[in-house]
Every structure is written in structure tokens, then in C-alpha cells.
PDB file of all heavy atoms in Angstrom:
ATOM      1  N   TYR A   1      27.960  53.275  25.677  1.00  0.00           N
ATOM      2  CA  TYR A   1      28.102  53.746  24.308  1.00  0.00           C
ATOM      3  C   TYR A   1      29.577  53.746  23.913  1.00  0.00           C
ATOM      4  O   TYR A   1      30.430  54.261  24.645  1.00  0.00           O
ATOM      5  CB  TYR A   1      27.521  55.161  24.142  1.00  0.00           C
ATOM      6  CG  TYR A   1      26.047  55.239  24.461  1.00  0.00           C
ATOM      7  CD1 TYR A   1      25.601  55.497  25.757  1.00  0.00           C
ATOM      8  CD2 TYR A   1      25.097  55.032  23.460  1.00  0.00           C
ATOM      9  CE1 TYR A   1      24.254  55.558  26.063  1.00  0.00           C
ATOM     10  CE2 TYR A   1      23.729  55.097  23.757  1.00  0.00           C
ATOM     11  CZ  TYR A   1      23.327  55.344  25.058  1.00  0.00           C
ATOM     12  OH  TYR A   1      21.995  55.398  25.348  1.00  0.00           O
ATOM     13  N   ALA A   2      29.822  53.175  22.714  1.00  0.00           N
ATOM     14  CA  ALA A   2      31.168  53.236  22.139  1.00  0.00           C
ATOM     15  C   ALA A   2      31.263  54.477  21.269  1.00  0.00           C
ATOM     16  O   ALA A   2      30.298  54.855  20.598  1.00  0.00           O
ATOM     17  CB  ALA A   2      31.451  52.004  21.304  1.00  0.00           C
ATOM     18  N   ILE A   3      32.428  55.147  21.289  1.00  0.00           N
ATOM     19  CA  ILE A   3      32.596  56.421  20.588  1.00  0.00           C
ATOM     20  C   ILE A   3      33.768  56.332  19.630  1.00  0.00           C
ATOM     21  O   ILE A   3      34.841  55.827  19.974  1.00  0.00           O
ATOM     22  CB  ILE A   3      32.854  57.575  21.581  1.00  0.00           C
ATOM     23  CG1 ILE A   3      31.715  57.655  22.616  1.00  0.00           C
ATOM     24  CG2 ILE A   3      32.988  58.902  20.841  1.00  0.00           C
ATOM     25  CD1 ILE A   3      31.991  58.652  23.705  1.00  0.00           C
ATOM     26  N   GLN A   4      33.548  56.835  18.383  1.00  0.00           N
ATOM     27  CA  GLN A   4      34.608  57.011  17.412  1.00  0.00           C
ATOM     28  C   GLN A   4      34.596  58.468  16.954  1.00  0.00           C
ATOM     29  O   GLN A   4      33.524  59.085  16.856  1.00  0.00           O
ATOM     30  CB  GLN A   4      34.408  56.097  16.201  1.00  0.00           C
ATOM     31  CG  GLN A   4      34.688  54.639  16.496  1.00  0.00           C
ATOM     32  CD  GLN A   4      34.483  53.787  15.278  1.00  0.00           C
ATOM     33  OE1 GLN A   4      33.354  53.420  14.977  1.00  0.00           O
ATOM     34  NE2 GLN A   4      35.564  53.493  14.579  1.00  0.00           N
ATOM     35  N   THR A   5      35.749  59.037  16.686  1.00  0.00           N
ATOM     36  CA  THR A   5      35.839  60.462  16.302  1.00  0.00           C
ATOM     37  C   THR A   5      36.625  60.617  15.017  1.00  0.00           C
ATOM     38  O   THR A   5      37.462  59.768  14.680  1.00  0.00           O
ATOM     39  CB  THR A   5      36.531  61.282  17.405  1.00  0.00           C
ATOM     40  OG1 THR A   5      37.860  60.791  17.578  1.00  0.00           O
ATOM     41  CG2 THR A   5      35.789  61.167  18.726  1.00  0.00           C
ATOM     42  N   GLN A   6      36.349  61.693  14.292  1.00  0.00           N
ATOM     43  CA  GLN A   6      37.072  62.043  13.075  1.00  0.00           C
ATOM     44  C   GLN A   6      37.135  63.572  12.973  1.00  0.00           C
ATOM     45  O   GLN A   6      36.102  64.242  12.899  1.00  0.00           O
ATOM     46  CB  GLN A   6      36.378  61.459  11.845  1.00  0.00           C
ATOM     47  CG  GLN A   6      37.010  61.855  10.535  1.00  0.00           C
ATOM     48  CD  GLN A   6      38.420  61.308  10.409  1.00  0.00           C
ATOM     49  OE1 GLN A   6      38.690  60.199  10.834  1.00  0.00           O
ATOM     50  NE2 GLN A   6      39.311  62.116   9.836  1.00  0.00           N
ATOM     51  N   ASP A   7      38.324  64.134  12.985  1.00  0.00           N
ATOM     52  CA  ASP A   7      38.509  65.590  12.805  1.00  0.00           C
ATOM     53  C   ASP A   7      38.502  65.936  11.322  1.00  0.00           C
ATOM     54  O   ASP A   7      38.906  65.129  10.481  1.00  0.00           O
ATOM     55  CB  ASP A   7      39.835  66.028  13.424  1.00  0.00           C
ATOM     56  CG  ASP A   7      39.830  65.861  14.939  1.00  0.00           C
ATOM     57  OD1 ASP A   7      38.739  65.895  15.527  1.00  0.00           O
ATOM     58  OD2 ASP A   7      40.919  65.660  15.514  1.00  0.00           O
ATOM     59  N   TYR A   8      38.055  67.159  10.996  1.00  0.00           N
ATOM     60  CA  TYR A   8      38.073  67.632   9.611  1.00  0.00           C
ATOM     61  C   TYR A   8      38.347  69.127   9.614  1.00  0.00           C
ATOM     62  O   TYR A   8      38.159  69.823  10.620  1.00  0.00           O
ATOM     63  CB  TYR A   8      36.759  67.293   8.902  1.00  0.00           C
ATOM     64  CG  TYR A   8      35.534  67.972   9.487  1.00  0.00           C
ATOM     65  CD1 TYR A   8      35.071  69.180   8.940  1.00  0.00           C
ATOM     66  CD2 TYR A   8      34.850  67.404  10.553  1.00  0.00           C
ATOM     67  CE1 TYR A   8      33.938  69.806   9.474  1.00  0.00           C
ATOM     68  CE2 TYR A   8      33.731  68.013  11.091  1.00  0.00           C
ATOM     69  CZ  TYR A   8      33.280  69.215  10.558  1.00  0.00           C
ATOM     70  OH  TYR A   8      32.187  69.847  11.094  1.00  0.00           O
ATOM     71  N   HIS A   9      38.735  69.681   8.456  1.00  0.00           N
ATOM     72  CA  HIS A   9      39.112  71.092   8.320  1.00  0.00           C
ATOM     73  C   HIS A   9      38.341  71.715   7.160  1.00  0.00           C
ATOM     74  O   HIS A   9      38.296  71.144   6.065  1.00  0.00           O
ATOM     75  CB  HIS A   9      40.624  71.212   8.055  1.00  0.00           C
ATOM     76  CG  HIS A   9      41.461  70.653   9.167  1.00  0.00           C
ATOM     77  ND1 HIS A   9      41.835  71.381  10.258  1.00  0.00           N
ATOM     78  CD2 HIS A   9      42.002  69.417   9.328  1.00  0.00           C
ATOM     79  CE1 HIS A   9      42.565  70.642  11.058  1.00  0.00           C
ATOM     80  NE2 HIS A   9      42.690  69.410  10.509  1.00  0.00           N
ATOM     81  N   PHE A  10      37.764  72.896   7.445  1.00  0.00           N
ATOM     82  CA  PHE A  10      37.041  73.635   6.408  1.00  0.00           C
ATOM     83  C   PHE A  10      38.028  74.480   5.602  1.00  0.00           C
ATOM     84  O   PHE A  10      39.143  74.782   6.069  1.00  0.00           O
ATOM     85  CB  PHE A  10      35.981  74.535   7.049  1.00  0.00           C
ATOM     86  CG  PHE A  10      34.842  73.749   7.638  1.00  0.00           C
ATOM     87  CD1 PHE A  10      34.806  73.458   8.986  1.00  0.00           C
ATOM     88  CD2 PHE A  10      33.805  73.299   6.818  1.00  0.00           C
ATOM     89  CE1 PHE A  10      33.766  72.738   9.529  1.00  0.00           C
ATOM     90  CE2 PHE A  10      32.751  72.581   7.379  1.00  0.00           C
ATOM     91  CZ  PHE A  10      32.732  72.281   8.715  1.00  0.00           C
ATOM     92  N   PRO A  11      37.624  74.845   4.397  1.00  0.00           N
ATOM     93  CA  PRO A  11      38.517  75.675   3.577  1.00  0.00           C
ATOM     94  C   PRO A  11      38.943  76.982   4.247  1.00  0.00           C
ATOM     95  O   PRO A  11      40.028  77.497   3.975  1.00  0.00           O
ATOM     96  CB  PRO A  11      37.679  75.947   2.318  1.00  0.00           C
ATOM     97  CG  PRO A  11      36.750  74.777   2.230  1.00  0.00           C
ATOM     98  CD  PRO A  11      36.409  74.432   3.646  1.00  0.00           C
ATOM     99  N   ASP A  12      38.078  77.534   5.118  1.00  0.00           N
ATOM    100  CA  ASP A  12      38.437  78.797   5.783  1.00  0.00           C
ATOM    101  C   ASP A  12      39.368  78.592   6.962  1.00  0.00           C
ATOM    102  O   ASP A  12      39.689  79.542   7.692  1.00  0.00           O
ATOM    103  CB  ASP A  12      37.175  79.534   6.212  1.00  0.00           C
ATOM    104  CG  ASP A  12      36.337  78.706   7.181  1.00  0.00           C
ATOM    105  OD1 ASP A  12      36.770  77.549   7.516  1.00  0.00           O
ATOM    106  OD2 ASP A  12      35.258  79.172   7.610  1.00  0.00           O
ATOM    107  N   GLY A  13      39.791  77.336   7.202  1.00  0.00           N
ATOM    108  CA  GLY A  13      40.740  77.072   8.278  1.00  0.00           C
ATOM    109  C   GLY A  13      40.103  76.665   9.584  1.00  0.00           C
ATOM    110  O   GLY A  13      40.812  76.289  10.543  1.00  0.00           O
ATOM    111  N   THR A  14      38.782  76.687   9.701  1.00  0.00           N
ATOM    112  CA  THR A  14      38.130  76.261  10.935  1.00  0.00           C
ATOM    113  C   THR A  14      38.182  74.740  11.042  1.00  0.00           C
ATOM    114  O   THR A  14      38.308  74.017  10.051  1.00  0.00           O
ATOM    115  CB  THR A  14      36.662  76.730  10.982  1.00  0.00           C
ATOM    116  OG1 THR A  14      35.999  76.224   9.818  1.00  0.00           O
ATOM    117  CG2 THR A  14      36.599  78.258  11.004  1.00  0.00           C
ATOM    118  N   VAL A  15      38.070  74.256  12.291  1.00  0.00           N
ATOM    119  CA  VAL A  15      38.197  72.825  12.588  1.00  0.00           C
ATOM    120  C   VAL A  15      36.884  72.301  13.135  1.00  0.00           C
ATOM    121  O   VAL A  15      36.218  72.975  13.949  1.00  0.00           O
ATOM    122  CB  VAL A  15      39.322  72.566  13.598  1.00  0.00           C
ATOM    123  CG1 VAL A  15      39.430  71.085  13.905  1.00  0.00           C
ATOM    124  CG2 VAL A  15      40.651  73.086  13.060  1.00  0.00           C
ATOM    125  N   GLY A  16      36.546  71.093  12.705  1.00  0.00           N
ATOM    126  CA  GLY A  16      35.356  70.446  13.222  1.00  0.00           C
ATOM    127  C   GLY A  16      35.642  68.988  13.579  1.00  0.00           C
ATOM    128  O   GLY A  16      36.680  68.441  13.228  1.00  0.00           O
ATOM    129  N   THR A  17      34.691  68.367  14.251  1.00  0.00           N
ATOM    130  CA  THR A  17      34.843  66.972  14.665  1.00  0.00           C
ATOM    131  C   THR A  17      33.515  66.254  14.497  1.00  0.00           C
ATOM    132  O   THR A  17      32.459  66.816  14.837  1.00  0.00           O
ATOM    133  CB  THR A  17      35.289  66.862  16.122  1.00  0.00           C
ATOM    134  OG1 THR A  17      36.486  67.609  16.304  1.00  0.00           O
ATOM    135  CG2 THR A  17      35.549  65.412  16.504  1.00  0.00           C
ATOM    136  N   VAL A  18      33.596  65.027  13.989  1.00  0.00           N
ATOM    137  CA  VAL A  18      32.417  64.170  13.868  1.00  0.00           C
ATOM    138  C   VAL A  18      32.550  63.062  14.913  1.00  0.00           C
ATOM    139  O   VAL A  18      33.588  62.388  14.987  1.00  0.00           O
ATOM    140  CB  VAL A  18      32.308  63.560  12.468  1.00  0.00           C
ATOM    141  CG1 VAL A  18      31.072  62.659  12.385  1.00  0.00           C
ATOM    142  CG2 VAL A  18      32.237  64.642  11.411  1.00  0.00           C
ATOM    143  N   TYR A  19      31.511  62.870  15.721  1.00  0.00           N
ATOM    144  CA  TYR A  19      31.487  61.821  16.750  1.00  0.00           C
ATOM    145  C   TYR A  19      30.437  60.786  16.370  1.00  0.00           C
ATOM    146  O   TYR A  19      29.313  61.130  16.012  1.00  0.00           O
ATOM    147  CB  TYR A  19      31.132  62.411  18.108  1.00  0.00           C
ATOM    148  CG  TYR A  19      32.102  63.450  18.600  1.00  0.00           C
ATOM    149  CD1 TYR A  19      31.906  64.797  18.312  1.00  0.00           C
ATOM    150  CD2 TYR A  19      33.208  63.078  19.358  1.00  0.00           C
ATOM    151  CE1 TYR A  19      32.804  65.758  18.764  1.00  0.00           C
ATOM    152  CE2 TYR A  19      34.101  64.040  19.820  1.00  0.00           C
ATOM    153  CZ  TYR A  19      33.902  65.367  19.506  1.00  0.00           C
ATOM    154  OH  TYR A  19      34.792  66.311  19.958  1.00  0.00           O
ATOM    155  N   LEU A  20      30.833  59.520  16.440  1.00  0.00           N
ATOM    156  CA  LEU A  20      29.912  58.407  16.182  1.00  0.00           C
ATOM    157  C   LEU A  20      29.690  57.665  17.485  1.00  0.00           C
ATOM    158  O   LEU A  20      30.627  57.128  18.081  1.00  0.00           O
ATOM    159  CB  LEU A  20      30.475  57.456  15.120  1.00  0.00           C
ATOM    160  CG  LEU A  20      29.633  56.199  14.854  1.00  0.00           C
ATOM    161  CD1 LEU A  20      28.286  56.575  14.241  1.00  0.00           C
ATOM    162  CD2 LEU A  20      30.378  55.225  13.939  1.00  0.00           C
ATOM    163  N   PHE A  21      28.449  57.606  17.934  1.00  0.00           N
ATOM    164  CA  PHE A  21      28.074  56.904  19.168  1.00  0.00           C
ATOM    165  C   PHE A  21      27.309  55.638  18.800  1.00  0.00           C
ATOM    166  O   PHE A  21      26.407  55.676  17.962  1.00  0.00           O
ATOM    167  CB  PHE A  21      27.186  57.797  20.044  1.00  0.00           C
ATOM    168  CG  PHE A  21      27.885  59.016  20.565  1.00  0.00           C
ATOM    169  CD1 PHE A  21      27.950  60.178  19.794  1.00  0.00           C
ATOM    170  CD2 PHE A  21      28.472  59.016  21.820  1.00  0.00           C
ATOM    171  CE1 PHE A  21      28.593  61.303  20.269  1.00  0.00           C
ATOM    172  CE2 PHE A  21      29.114  60.146  22.296  1.00  0.00           C
ATOM    173  CZ  PHE A  21      29.185  61.299  21.521  1.00  0.00           C
ATOM    174  N   THR A  22      27.693  54.515  19.433  1.00  0.00           N
ATOM    175  CA  THR A  22      27.017  53.238  19.199  1.00  0.00           C
ATOM    176  C   THR A  22      26.634  52.623  20.537  1.00  0.00           C
ATOM    177  O   THR A  22      27.460  52.538  21.456  1.00  0.00           O
ATOM    178  CB  THR A  22      27.933  52.251  18.447  1.00  0.00           C
ATOM    179  OG1 THR A  22      28.353  52.853  17.223  1.00  0.00           O
ATOM    180  CG2 THR A  22      27.198  50.959  18.139  1.00  0.00           C
ATOM    181  N   ASP A  23      25.355  52.216  20.638  1.00  0.00           N
ATOM    182  CA  ASP A  23      24.854  51.620  21.881  1.00  0.00           C
ATOM    183  C   ASP A  23      25.356  50.176  21.985  1.00  0.00           C
ATOM    184  O   ASP A  23      25.004  49.310  21.181  1.00  0.00           O
ATOM    185  CB  ASP A  23      23.334  51.652  21.893  1.00  0.00           C
ATOM    186  CG  ASP A  23      22.769  51.248  23.253  1.00  0.00           C
ATOM    187  OD1 ASP A  23      23.582  50.896  24.145  1.00  0.00           O
ATOM    188  OD2 ASP A  23      21.551  51.280  23.417  1.00  0.00           O
ATOM    189  N   THR A  24      26.192  49.882  22.971  1.00  0.00           N
ATOM    190  CA  THR A  24      26.726  48.520  23.211  1.00  0.00           C
ATOM    191  C   THR A  24      26.232  47.969  24.539  1.00  0.00           C
ATOM    192  O   THR A  24      26.848  47.067  25.107  1.00  0.00           O
ATOM    193  CB  THR A  24      28.261  48.545  23.213  1.00  0.00           C
ATOM    194  OG1 THR A  24      28.717  49.421  24.255  1.00  0.00           O
ATOM    195  CG2 THR A  24      28.809  49.030  21.887  1.00  0.00           C
ATOM    196  N   SER A  25      25.122  48.499  25.023  1.00  0.00           N
ATOM    197  CA  SER A  25      24.640  48.094  26.357  1.00  0.00           C
ATOM    198  C   SER A  25      24.364  46.608  26.492  1.00  0.00           C
ATOM    199  O   SER A  25      24.786  45.977  27.474  1.00  0.00           O
ATOM    200  CB  SER A  25      23.377  48.904  26.708  1.00  0.00           C
ATOM    201  OG  SER A  25      23.675  50.275  26.730  1.00  0.00           O
ATOM    202  N   PRO A  26      23.642  45.950  25.527  1.00  0.00           N
ATOM    203  CA  PRO A  26      23.384  44.507  25.700  1.00  0.00           C
ATOM    204  C   PRO A  26      24.671  43.709  25.828  1.00  0.00           C
ATOM    205  O   PRO A  26      24.786  42.834  26.670  1.00  0.00           O
ATOM    206  CB  PRO A  26      22.607  44.143  24.430  1.00  0.00           C
ATOM    207  CG  PRO A  26      21.994  45.415  23.981  1.00  0.00           C
ATOM    208  CD  PRO A  26      22.981  46.490  24.307  1.00  0.00           C
ATOM    209  N   LEU A  27      25.651  44.055  24.952  1.00  0.00           N
ATOM    210  CA  LEU A  27      26.916  43.342  25.011  1.00  0.00           C
ATOM    211  C   LEU A  27      27.678  43.671  26.280  1.00  0.00           C
ATOM    212  O   LEU A  27      28.307  42.806  26.891  1.00  0.00           O
ATOM    213  CB  LEU A  27      27.753  43.690  23.782  1.00  0.00           C
ATOM    214  CG  LEU A  27      28.987  42.814  23.542  1.00  0.00           C
ATOM    215  CD1 LEU A  27      28.566  41.368  23.340  1.00  0.00           C
ATOM    216  CD2 LEU A  27      29.779  43.326  22.352  1.00  0.00           C
ATOM    217  N   ALA A  28      27.610  44.908  26.699  1.00  0.00           N
ATOM    218  CA  ALA A  28      28.313  45.328  27.915  1.00  0.00           C
ATOM    219  C   ALA A  28      27.713  44.680  29.156  1.00  0.00           C
ATOM    220  O   ALA A  28      28.442  44.357  30.109  1.00  0.00           O
ATOM    221  CB  ALA A  28      28.256  46.846  28.049  1.00  0.00           C
ATOM    222  N   HIS A  29      26.399  44.459  29.159  1.00  0.00           N
ATOM    223  CA  HIS A  29      25.774  43.779  30.302  1.00  0.00           C
ATOM    224  C   HIS A  29      26.041  42.278  30.267  1.00  0.00           C
ATOM    225  O   HIS A  29      26.134  41.630  31.310  1.00  0.00           O
ATOM    226  CB  HIS A  29      24.257  44.034  30.295  1.00  0.00           C
ATOM    227  CG  HIS A  29      23.898  45.401  30.768  1.00  0.00           C
ATOM    228  ND1 HIS A  29      24.052  45.821  32.070  1.00  0.00           N
ATOM    229  CD2 HIS A  29      23.398  46.477  30.089  1.00  0.00           C
ATOM    230  CE1 HIS A  29      23.659  47.089  32.188  1.00  0.00           C
ATOM    231  NE2 HIS A  29      23.260  47.511  30.991  1.00  0.00           N
ATOM    232  N   PHE A  30      26.151  41.769  29.040  1.00  0.00           N
ATOM    233  CA  PHE A  30      26.325  40.324  28.888  1.00  0.00           C
ATOM    234  C   PHE A  30      27.752  39.869  29.220  1.00  0.00           C
ATOM    235  O   PHE A  30      27.952  38.858  29.910  1.00  0.00           O
ATOM    236  CB  PHE A  30      25.957  39.938  27.448  1.00  0.00           C
ATOM    237  CG  PHE A  30      26.212  38.513  27.106  1.00  0.00           C
ATOM    238  CD1 PHE A  30      25.408  37.498  27.602  1.00  0.00           C
ATOM    239  CD2 PHE A  30      27.270  38.168  26.279  1.00  0.00           C
ATOM    240  CE1 PHE A  30      25.645  36.186  27.284  1.00  0.00           C
ATOM    241  CE2 PHE A  30      27.514  36.865  25.956  1.00  0.00           C
ATOM    242  CZ  PHE A  30      26.691  35.861  26.454  1.00  0.00           C
ATOM    243  N   MET A  31      28.730  40.621  28.756  1.00  0.00           N
ATOM    244  CA  MET A  31      30.117  40.197  28.892  1.00  0.00           C
ATOM    245  C   MET A  31      30.608  40.117  30.337  1.00  0.00           C
ATOM    246  O   MET A  31      31.341  39.183  30.671  1.00  0.00           O
ATOM    247  CB  MET A  31      31.029  41.125  28.076  1.00  0.00           C
ATOM    248  CG  MET A  31      30.844  40.967  26.578  1.00  0.00           C
ATOM    249  SD  MET A  31      31.073  39.247  26.061  1.00  0.00           S
ATOM    250  CE  MET A  31      30.667  39.374  24.318  1.00  0.00           C
ATOM    251  N   PRO A  32      30.296  41.026  31.232  1.00  0.00           N
ATOM    252  CA  PRO A  32      30.799  40.908  32.622  1.00  0.00           C
ATOM    253  C   PRO A  32      30.364  39.628  33.320  1.00  0.00           C
ATOM    254  O   PRO A  32      31.038  39.134  34.218  1.00  0.00           O
ATOM    255  CB  PRO A  32      30.231  42.137  33.312  1.00  0.00           C
ATOM    256  CG  PRO A  32      30.022  43.127  32.221  1.00  0.00           C
ATOM    257  CD  PRO A  32      29.601  42.321  31.034  1.00  0.00           C
ATOM    258  N   LYS A  33      29.221  39.094  32.920  1.00  0.00           N
ATOM    259  CA  LYS A  33      28.778  37.834  33.523  1.00  0.00           C
ATOM    260  C   LYS A  33      29.296  36.622  32.750  1.00  0.00           C
ATOM    261  O   LYS A  33      29.574  35.573  33.333  1.00  0.00           O
ATOM    262  CB  LYS A  33      27.243  37.786  33.564  1.00  0.00           C
ATOM    263  CG  LYS A  33      26.616  38.829  34.462  1.00  0.00           C
ATOM    264  CD  LYS A  33      25.113  38.676  34.530  1.00  0.00           C
ATOM    265  CE  LYS A  33      24.466  39.083  33.223  1.00  0.00           C
ATOM    266  NZ  LYS A  33      22.993  39.019  33.281  1.00  0.00           N
ATOM    267  N   PHE A  34      29.435  36.801  31.443  1.00  0.00           N
ATOM    268  CA  PHE A  34      29.788  35.675  30.587  1.00  0.00           C
ATOM    269  C   PHE A  34      31.287  35.342  30.656  1.00  0.00           C
ATOM    270  O   PHE A  34      31.663  34.180  30.834  1.00  0.00           O
ATOM    271  CB  PHE A  34      29.367  35.987  29.151  1.00  0.00           C
ATOM    272  CG  PHE A  34      29.651  34.891  28.176  1.00  0.00           C
ATOM    273  CD1 PHE A  34      28.893  33.730  28.173  1.00  0.00           C
ATOM    274  CD2 PHE A  34      30.687  35.021  27.253  1.00  0.00           C
ATOM    275  CE1 PHE A  34      29.157  32.721  27.264  1.00  0.00           C
ATOM    276  CE2 PHE A  34      30.952  34.018  26.354  1.00  0.00           C
ATOM    277  CZ  PHE A  34      30.178  32.864  26.354  1.00  0.00           C
ATOM    278  N   PHE A  35      32.133  36.349  30.516  1.00  0.00           N
ATOM    279  CA  PHE A  35      33.566  36.086  30.408  1.00  0.00           C
ATOM    280  C   PHE A  35      34.200  35.492  31.674  1.00  0.00           C
ATOM    281  O   PHE A  35      35.084  34.651  31.573  1.00  0.00           O
ATOM    282  CB  PHE A  35      34.311  37.348  29.982  1.00  0.00           C
ATOM    283  CG  PHE A  35      34.322  37.529  28.491  1.00  0.00           C
ATOM    284  CD1 PHE A  35      33.537  38.492  27.891  1.00  0.00           C
ATOM    285  CD2 PHE A  35      35.090  36.715  27.690  1.00  0.00           C
ATOM    286  CE1 PHE A  35      33.535  38.641  26.513  1.00  0.00           C
ATOM    287  CE2 PHE A  35      35.107  36.856  26.309  1.00  0.00           C
ATOM    288  CZ  PHE A  35      34.318  37.826  25.724  1.00  0.00           C
ATOM    289  N   PRO A  36      33.802  35.904  32.872  1.00  0.00           N
ATOM    290  CA  PRO A  36      34.377  35.233  34.053  1.00  0.00           C
ATOM    291  C   PRO A  36      34.077  33.730  34.074  1.00  0.00           C
ATOM    292  O   PRO A  36      34.936  32.921  34.450  1.00  0.00           O
ATOM    293  CB  PRO A  36      33.719  35.958  35.231  1.00  0.00           C
ATOM    294  CG  PRO A  36      33.385  37.299  34.704  1.00  0.00           C
ATOM    295  CD  PRO A  36      33.005  37.088  33.275  1.00  0.00           C
ATOM    296  N   LEU A  37      32.841  33.391  33.656  1.00  0.00           N
ATOM    297  CA  LEU A  37      32.506  31.970  33.609  1.00  0.00           C
ATOM    298  C   LEU A  37      33.286  31.251  32.506  1.00  0.00           C
ATOM    299  O   LEU A  37      33.687  30.090  32.663  1.00  0.00           O
ATOM    300  CB  LEU A  37      30.997  31.801  33.380  1.00  0.00           C
ATOM    301  CG  LEU A  37      30.112  32.206  34.564  1.00  0.00           C
ATOM    302  CD1 LEU A  37      28.651  32.083  34.188  1.00  0.00           C
ATOM    303  CD2 LEU A  37      30.419  31.344  35.775  1.00  0.00           C
ATOM    304  N   VAL A  38      33.493  31.947  31.390  1.00  0.00           N
ATOM    305  CA  VAL A  38      34.313  31.367  30.324  1.00  0.00           C
ATOM    306  C   VAL A  38      35.731  31.128  30.814  1.00  0.00           C
ATOM    307  O   VAL A  38      36.333  30.068  30.576  1.00  0.00           O
ATOM    308  CB  VAL A  38      34.312  32.293  29.089  1.00  0.00           C
ATOM    309  CG1 VAL A  38      35.354  31.823  28.072  1.00  0.00           C
ATOM    310  CG2 VAL A  38      32.933  32.307  28.435  1.00  0.00           C
ATOM    311  N   LEU A  39      36.278  32.105  31.513  1.00  0.00           N
ATOM    312  CA  LEU A  39      37.631  31.966  32.049  1.00  0.00           C
ATOM    313  C   LEU A  39      37.697  30.830  33.068  1.00  0.00           C
ATOM    314  O   LEU A  39      38.640  30.026  33.073  1.00  0.00           O
ATOM    315  CB  LEU A  39      38.072  33.282  32.695  1.00  0.00           C
ATOM    316  CG  LEU A  39      39.482  33.305  33.284  1.00  0.00           C
ATOM    317  CD1 LEU A  39      40.510  33.041  32.197  1.00  0.00           C
ATOM    318  CD2 LEU A  39      39.753  34.642  33.978  1.00  0.00           C
ATOM    319  N   LEU A  40      36.665  30.746  33.921  1.00  0.00           N
ATOM    320  CA  LEU A  40      36.619  29.666  34.908  1.00  0.00           C
ATOM    321  C   LEU A  40      36.526  28.306  34.226  1.00  0.00           C
ATOM    322  O   LEU A  40      37.191  27.346  34.631  1.00  0.00           O
ATOM    323  CB  LEU A  40      35.429  29.883  35.850  1.00  0.00           C
ATOM    324  CG  LEU A  40      35.219  28.809  36.932  1.00  0.00           C
ATOM    325  CD1 LEU A  40      36.433  28.753  37.854  1.00  0.00           C
ATOM    326  CD2 LEU A  40      33.954  29.084  37.722  1.00  0.00           C
ATOM    327  N   SER A  41      35.689  28.225  33.190  1.00  0.00           N
ATOM    328  CA  SER A  41      35.561  26.946  32.468  1.00  0.00           C
ATOM    329  C   SER A  41      36.873  26.568  31.796  1.00  0.00           C
ATOM    330  O   SER A  41      37.243  25.388  31.753  1.00  0.00           O
ATOM    331  CB  SER A  41      34.437  27.037  31.435  1.00  0.00           C
ATOM    332  OG  SER A  41      34.770  27.955  30.416  1.00  0.00           O
ATOM    333  N   LEU A  42      37.602  27.581  31.280  1.00  0.00           N
ATOM    334  CA  LEU A  42      38.893  27.307  30.660  1.00  0.00           C
ATOM    335  C   LEU A  42      39.868  26.732  31.672  1.00  0.00           C
ATOM    336  O   LEU A  42      40.574  25.751  31.398  1.00  0.00           O
ATOM    337  CB  LEU A  42      39.452  28.587  30.043  1.00  0.00           C
ATOM    338  CG  LEU A  42      40.829  28.478  29.389  1.00  0.00           C
ATOM    339  CD1 LEU A  42      40.787  27.490  28.232  1.00  0.00           C
ATOM    340  CD2 LEU A  42      41.313  29.839  28.921  1.00  0.00           C
TER     341      LEU A  42
END
């Protein structure tokens, strides 16, 4: 999962955070096998 964050502030001075999670599993499984072969072919 790839993660992005964004902090924000409420009028009363409290702090919060928004986290965005994105599933990158297919790409993450594909790239470790693909890129070494690409590098080798290069």
C-alpha cells in the first residue's frame, strides 16, 4: 500500500491528519520481476 498524508487544523486549535492508502500490490509484484529483466536487456 502506498500512503499519502495531509495535516489540518481545527478552529479550536486541535490537529488532525488525513491518510490516503492505495493498493499497489499488482504493480509491486510485477516490477521486481520485470525491471531486472529490463535492465538485463538494456
